[in-house]
Amino acid sequence: VYIPTAQNLAELRQEVARLREQVQAAIAAQEIADTVDAADVAEALDSAAEELAKPEPKAQRVARKLKEAAELLTGAAETATAAGKVGLAIIKLAPVAMMLWKLAEALG
């Protein structure tokens, strides 16, 4: 697990892409118990990445989508922890999403 340190939107784009890959792997491994939540997390991260790919991305929109992803991942992590599945990657990814959300807000 890494600690996001994005100083600009280009770095944020790279870190969101990395988080998307890791979340997709966790979803494929069925680490998110609720399939609707899993789809919503993927959609929120996809939307953030799409916005970041624009020539002039809106940091506020990116932050809003990352907040949504962070909240969903936090819920999934809490569910996994409550079920005693403390080794799941999703538990480590929730704080990363939270940090990316805060970084996007700061860039906005």
C-alpha atoms as a PDB file:
ATOM      1  CA  VAL A   1       0.000   0.000   0.000  1.00  0.00           C
ATOM      2  CA  TYR A   2       1.239   3.452  -0.847  1.00  0.00           C
ATOM      3  CA  ILE A   3       0.672   6.903   0.590  1.00  0.00           C
ATOM      4  CA  PRO A   4      -0.621   9.319  -2.071  1.00  0.00           C
ATOM      5  CA  THR A   5       1.429  12.506  -2.365  1.00  0.00           C
ATOM      6  CA  ALA A   6      -0.007  14.163  -5.492  1.00  0.00           C
ATOM      7  CA  GLN A   7       1.193  17.746  -5.809  1.00  0.00           C
ATOM      8  CA  ASN A   8      -0.734  18.492  -9.020  1.00  0.00           C
ATOM      9  CA  LEU A   9      -3.486  17.108 -11.217  1.00  0.00           C
ATOM     10  CA  ALA A  10      -1.074  15.069 -13.370  1.00  0.00           C
ATOM     11  CA  GLU A  11       0.225  13.231 -10.306  1.00  0.00           C
ATOM     12  CA  LEU A  12      -3.316  12.844  -8.989  1.00  0.00           C
ATOM     13  CA  ARG A  13      -4.266  11.254 -12.340  1.00  0.00           C
ATOM     14  CA  GLN A  14      -1.499   8.656 -11.875  1.00  0.00           C
ATOM     15  CA  GLU A  15      -2.475   7.907  -8.291  1.00  0.00           C
ATOM     16  CA  VAL A  16      -6.170   7.561  -9.138  1.00  0.00           C
ATOM     17  CA  ALA A  17      -5.206   5.157 -11.941  1.00  0.00           C
ATOM     18  CA  ARG A  18      -3.195   3.082  -9.445  1.00  0.00           C
ATOM     19  CA  LEU A  19      -6.093   3.030  -6.977  1.00  0.00           C
ATOM     20  CA  ARG A  20      -8.500   2.021  -9.776  1.00  0.00           C
ATOM     21  CA  GLU A  21      -6.300  -0.964 -10.659  1.00  0.00           C
ATOM     22  CA  GLN A  22      -6.105  -2.087  -7.042  1.00  0.00           C
ATOM     23  CA  VAL A  23      -9.836  -1.651  -6.469  1.00  0.00           C
ATOM     24  CA  GLN A  24     -10.598  -3.591  -9.673  1.00  0.00           C
ATOM     25  CA  ALA A  25      -8.412  -6.426  -8.369  1.00  0.00           C
ATOM     26  CA  ALA A  26     -10.231  -6.346  -5.015  1.00  0.00           C
ATOM     27  CA  ILE A  27     -13.596  -6.392  -6.797  1.00  0.00           C
ATOM     28  CA  ALA A  28     -12.468  -9.316  -8.963  1.00  0.00           C
ATOM     29  CA  ALA A  29     -11.459 -11.123  -5.767  1.00  0.00           C
ATOM     30  CA  GLN A  30     -14.989 -10.431  -4.439  1.00  0.00           C
ATOM     31  CA  GLU A  31     -13.657  -8.428  -1.487  1.00  0.00           C
ATOM     32  CA  ILE A  32     -16.632  -6.054  -1.602  1.00  0.00           C
ATOM     33  CA  ALA A  33     -19.575  -8.075  -0.341  1.00  0.00           C
ATOM     34  CA  ASP A  34     -22.266  -5.831  -1.846  1.00  0.00           C
ATOM     35  CA  THR A  35     -22.136  -6.051  -5.645  1.00  0.00           C
ATOM     36  CA  VAL A  36     -24.008  -2.758  -6.063  1.00  0.00           C
ATOM     37  CA  ASP A  37     -21.451  -1.006  -3.854  1.00  0.00           C
ATOM     38  CA  ALA A  38     -18.653  -2.615  -5.864  1.00  0.00           C
ATOM     39  CA  ALA A  39     -20.160  -1.283  -9.096  1.00  0.00           C
ATOM     40  CA  ASP A  40     -20.670   2.166  -7.536  1.00  0.00           C
ATOM     41  CA  VAL A  41     -17.032   2.324  -6.364  1.00  0.00           C
ATOM     42  CA  ALA A  42     -15.794   1.370  -9.819  1.00  0.00           C
ATOM     43  CA  GLU A  43     -18.091   3.938 -11.445  1.00  0.00           C
ATOM     44  CA  ALA A  44     -16.982   6.728  -9.076  1.00  0.00           C
ATOM     45  CA  LEU A  45     -13.304   5.995  -9.737  1.00  0.00           C
ATOM     46  CA  ASP A  46     -13.944   5.765 -13.482  1.00  0.00           C
ATOM     47  CA  SER A  47     -15.694   9.165 -13.380  1.00  0.00           C
ATOM     48  CA  ALA A  48     -12.796  10.711 -11.433  1.00  0.00           C
ATOM     49  CA  ALA A  49     -10.304   9.290 -13.937  1.00  0.00           C
ATOM     50  CA  GLU A  50     -12.367  10.525 -16.895  1.00  0.00           C
ATOM     51  CA  GLU A  51     -12.477  14.032 -15.432  1.00  0.00           C
ATOM     52  CA  LEU A  52      -8.716  13.959 -14.766  1.00  0.00           C
ATOM     53  CA  ALA A  53      -8.116  12.941 -18.395  1.00  0.00           C
ATOM     54  CA  LYS A  54      -9.733  16.150 -19.682  1.00  0.00           C
ATOM     55  CA  PRO A  55      -7.470  19.008 -20.838  1.00  0.00           C
ATOM     56  CA  GLU A  56      -8.757  21.190 -17.988  1.00  0.00           C
ATOM     57  CA  PRO A  57     -10.154  18.898 -15.300  1.00  0.00           C
ATOM     58  CA  LYS A  58     -12.366  20.290 -12.580  1.00  0.00           C
ATOM     59  CA  ALA A  59     -10.706  19.389  -9.281  1.00  0.00           C
ATOM     60  CA  GLN A  60     -13.995  19.860  -7.396  1.00  0.00           C
ATOM     61  CA  ARG A  61     -15.719  17.240  -9.574  1.00  0.00           C
ATOM     62  CA  VAL A  62     -12.774  14.871  -9.083  1.00  0.00           C
ATOM     63  CA  ALA A  63     -12.922  15.451  -5.316  1.00  0.00           C
ATOM     64  CA  ARG A  64     -16.671  14.727  -5.261  1.00  0.00           C
ATOM     65  CA  LYS A  65     -16.198  11.408  -7.083  1.00  0.00           C
ATOM     66  CA  LEU A  66     -13.217  10.442  -4.905  1.00  0.00           C
ATOM     67  CA  LYS A  67     -15.264  11.251  -1.790  1.00  0.00           C
ATOM     68  CA  GLU A  68     -17.995   8.911  -3.037  1.00  0.00           C
ATOM     69  CA  ALA A  69     -15.432   6.164  -3.694  1.00  0.00           C
ATOM     70  CA  ALA A  70     -13.785   6.722  -0.297  1.00  0.00           C
ATOM     71  CA  GLU A  71     -17.101   6.471   1.545  1.00  0.00           C
ATOM     72  CA  LEU A  72     -18.069   3.270  -0.289  1.00  0.00           C
ATOM     73  CA  LEU A  73     -14.635   1.722   0.268  1.00  0.00           C
ATOM     74  CA  THR A  74     -14.745   2.661   3.952  1.00  0.00           C
ATOM     75  CA  GLY A  75     -18.120   0.923   4.283  1.00  0.00           C
ATOM     76  CA  ALA A  76     -16.776  -2.158   2.504  1.00  0.00           C
ATOM     77  CA  ALA A  77     -13.691  -2.162   4.731  1.00  0.00           C
ATOM     78  CA  GLU A  78     -15.850  -1.911   7.861  1.00  0.00           C
ATOM     79  CA  THR A  79     -17.984  -4.823   6.651  1.00  0.00           C
ATOM     80  CA  ALA A  80     -14.882  -6.921   5.921  1.00  0.00           C
ATOM     81  CA  THR A  81     -13.361  -6.082   9.314  1.00  0.00           C
ATOM     82  CA  ALA A  82     -16.606  -6.956  11.114  1.00  0.00           C
ATOM     83  CA  ALA A  83     -16.590 -10.308   9.301  1.00  0.00           C
ATOM     84  CA  GLY A  84     -13.042 -10.957  10.531  1.00  0.00           C
ATOM     85  CA  LYS A  85     -11.541 -10.654   7.045  1.00  0.00           C
ATOM     86  CA  VAL A  86      -8.750  -8.321   8.141  1.00  0.00           C
ATOM     87  CA  GLY A  87      -6.298  -9.413   5.444  1.00  0.00           C
ATOM     88  CA  LEU A  88      -8.315  -8.035   2.557  1.00  0.00           C
ATOM     89  CA  ALA A  89      -6.756  -5.379   0.315  1.00  0.00           C
ATOM     90  CA  ILE A  90      -9.965  -3.346   0.442  1.00  0.00           C
ATOM     91  CA  ILE A  91      -9.208  -2.452   4.071  1.00  0.00           C
ATOM     92  CA  LYS A  92      -5.923  -0.825   3.035  1.00  0.00           C
ATOM     93  CA  LEU A  93      -7.456   0.891  -0.011  1.00  0.00           C
ATOM     94  CA  ALA A  94     -10.140   2.814   1.890  1.00  0.00           C
ATOM     95  CA  PRO A  95      -7.650   5.229   3.557  1.00  0.00           C
ATOM     96  CA  VAL A  96      -5.827   5.688   0.239  1.00  0.00           C
ATOM     97  CA  ALA A  97      -9.094   6.782  -1.391  1.00  0.00           C
ATOM     98  CA  MET A  98      -9.700   9.147   1.537  1.00  0.00           C
ATOM     99  CA  MET A  99      -6.240  10.715   1.089  1.00  0.00           C
ATOM    100  CA  LEU A 100      -6.773  11.115  -2.666  1.00  0.00           C
ATOM    101  CA  TRP A 101     -10.111  12.819  -1.988  1.00  0.00           C
ATOM    102  CA  LYS A 102      -8.403  15.285   0.395  1.00  0.00           C
ATOM    103  CA  LEU A 103      -5.578  15.902  -2.102  1.00  0.00           C
ATOM    104  CA  ALA A 104      -8.115  16.621  -4.869  1.00  0.00           C
ATOM    105  CA  GLU A 105      -9.916  19.069  -2.564  1.00  0.00           C
ATOM    106  CA  ALA A 106      -6.622  20.822  -1.823  1.00  0.00           C
ATOM    107  CA  LEU A 107      -5.856  21.100  -5.554  1.00  0.00           C
ATOM    108  CA  GLY A 108      -9.301  22.567  -6.208  1.00  0.00           C
END
